[in-house]
Amino acid sequence: MVEDAKANFVMERVGKVSETGREFDIQFWQRQGSTAIFAAAWEMVVEAHSRNESNQPLFRRLPGR
């Protein structure tokens, strides 16, 4: 039931991108919660992997880490 309420949630920001800060994005994702944040991040990983036409990994550890 909580997920249904979040699915119907809408936030809008109007203005020029060059004149807006990160506050809106932070507020939006804080309202979504950690489960939605993880789901969105995982969706980006899956999409990036599906667009990878070579067999090389897209995400690599930096040397020395």
Protein backbone atom coordinates (compact mmCIF):
# COMPACT_ATOMS: atom_id res chain seq x y z
CA MET A 1 0.00 0.00 0.00
CA VAL A 2 2.88 2.38 0.71
CA GLU A 3 4.28 1.70 -2.76
CA ASP A 4 0.91 2.61 -4.32
CA ALA A 5 0.90 5.97 -2.55
CA LYS A 6 4.42 6.70 -3.79
CA ALA A 7 3.51 5.67 -7.33
CA ASN A 8 0.87 8.42 -7.40
CA PHE A 9 3.19 11.04 -5.91
CA VAL A 10 4.16 13.93 -8.23
CA MET A 11 6.65 16.76 -7.67
CA GLU A 12 7.35 19.44 -10.24
CA ARG A 13 9.96 22.14 -10.57
CA VAL A 14 9.58 25.00 -13.01
CA GLY A 15 12.47 27.16 -14.07
CA LYS A 16 15.64 27.27 -16.08
CA VAL A 17 18.04 24.42 -15.41
CA SER A 18 20.90 26.90 -15.12
CA GLU A 19 19.06 28.71 -12.31
CA THR A 20 18.08 25.70 -10.22
CA GLY A 21 20.11 23.93 -7.58
CA ARG A 22 20.15 20.41 -6.22
CA GLU A 23 17.62 21.05 -3.45
CA PHE A 24 14.68 19.77 -5.48
CA ASP A 25 16.45 16.53 -6.40
CA ILE A 26 17.47 15.94 -2.79
CA GLN A 27 13.94 16.52 -1.50
CA PHE A 28 12.46 14.28 -4.18
CA TRP A 29 14.73 11.31 -3.48
CA GLN A 30 14.47 11.71 0.29
CA ARG A 31 10.69 11.39 -0.03
CA GLN A 32 11.08 8.25 -2.14
CA GLY A 33 13.06 6.34 0.46
CA SER A 34 15.99 3.97 0.25
CA THR A 35 14.12 1.15 -1.51
CA ALA A 36 13.12 3.41 -4.41
CA ILE A 37 16.63 4.90 -4.59
CA PHE A 38 18.18 1.43 -4.81
CA ALA A 39 15.61 0.32 -7.42
CA ALA A 40 16.36 3.38 -9.58
CA ALA A 41 20.11 2.85 -9.27
CA TRP A 42 19.77 -0.83 -10.17
CA GLU A 43 17.60 0.08 -13.18
CA MET A 44 20.40 2.37 -14.42
CA VAL A 45 22.96 -0.44 -14.00
CA VAL A 46 20.79 -2.88 -15.96
CA GLU A 47 20.19 -0.34 -18.73
CA ALA A 48 23.88 0.52 -18.98
CA HIS A 49 24.73 -3.18 -19.17
CA SER A 50 22.13 -3.78 -21.90
CA ARG A 51 23.62 -0.96 -23.99
CA ASN A 52 27.15 -2.36 -23.68
CA GLU A 53 27.85 -3.87 -27.10
CA SER A 54 31.27 -5.20 -26.11
CA ASN A 55 31.91 -7.79 -23.45
CA GLN A 56 34.00 -5.39 -21.39
CA PRO A 57 32.60 -4.31 -18.03
CA LEU A 58 31.28 -0.75 -17.87
CA PHE A 59 31.96 -0.36 -14.16
CA ARG A 60 35.53 -0.86 -13.00
CA ARG A 61 37.31 -0.27 -9.74
CA LEU A 62 39.89 2.49 -9.77
CA PRO A 63 43.48 1.31 -9.38
CA GLY A 64 44.57 1.15 -5.76
CA ARG A 65 41.06 0.86 -4.33
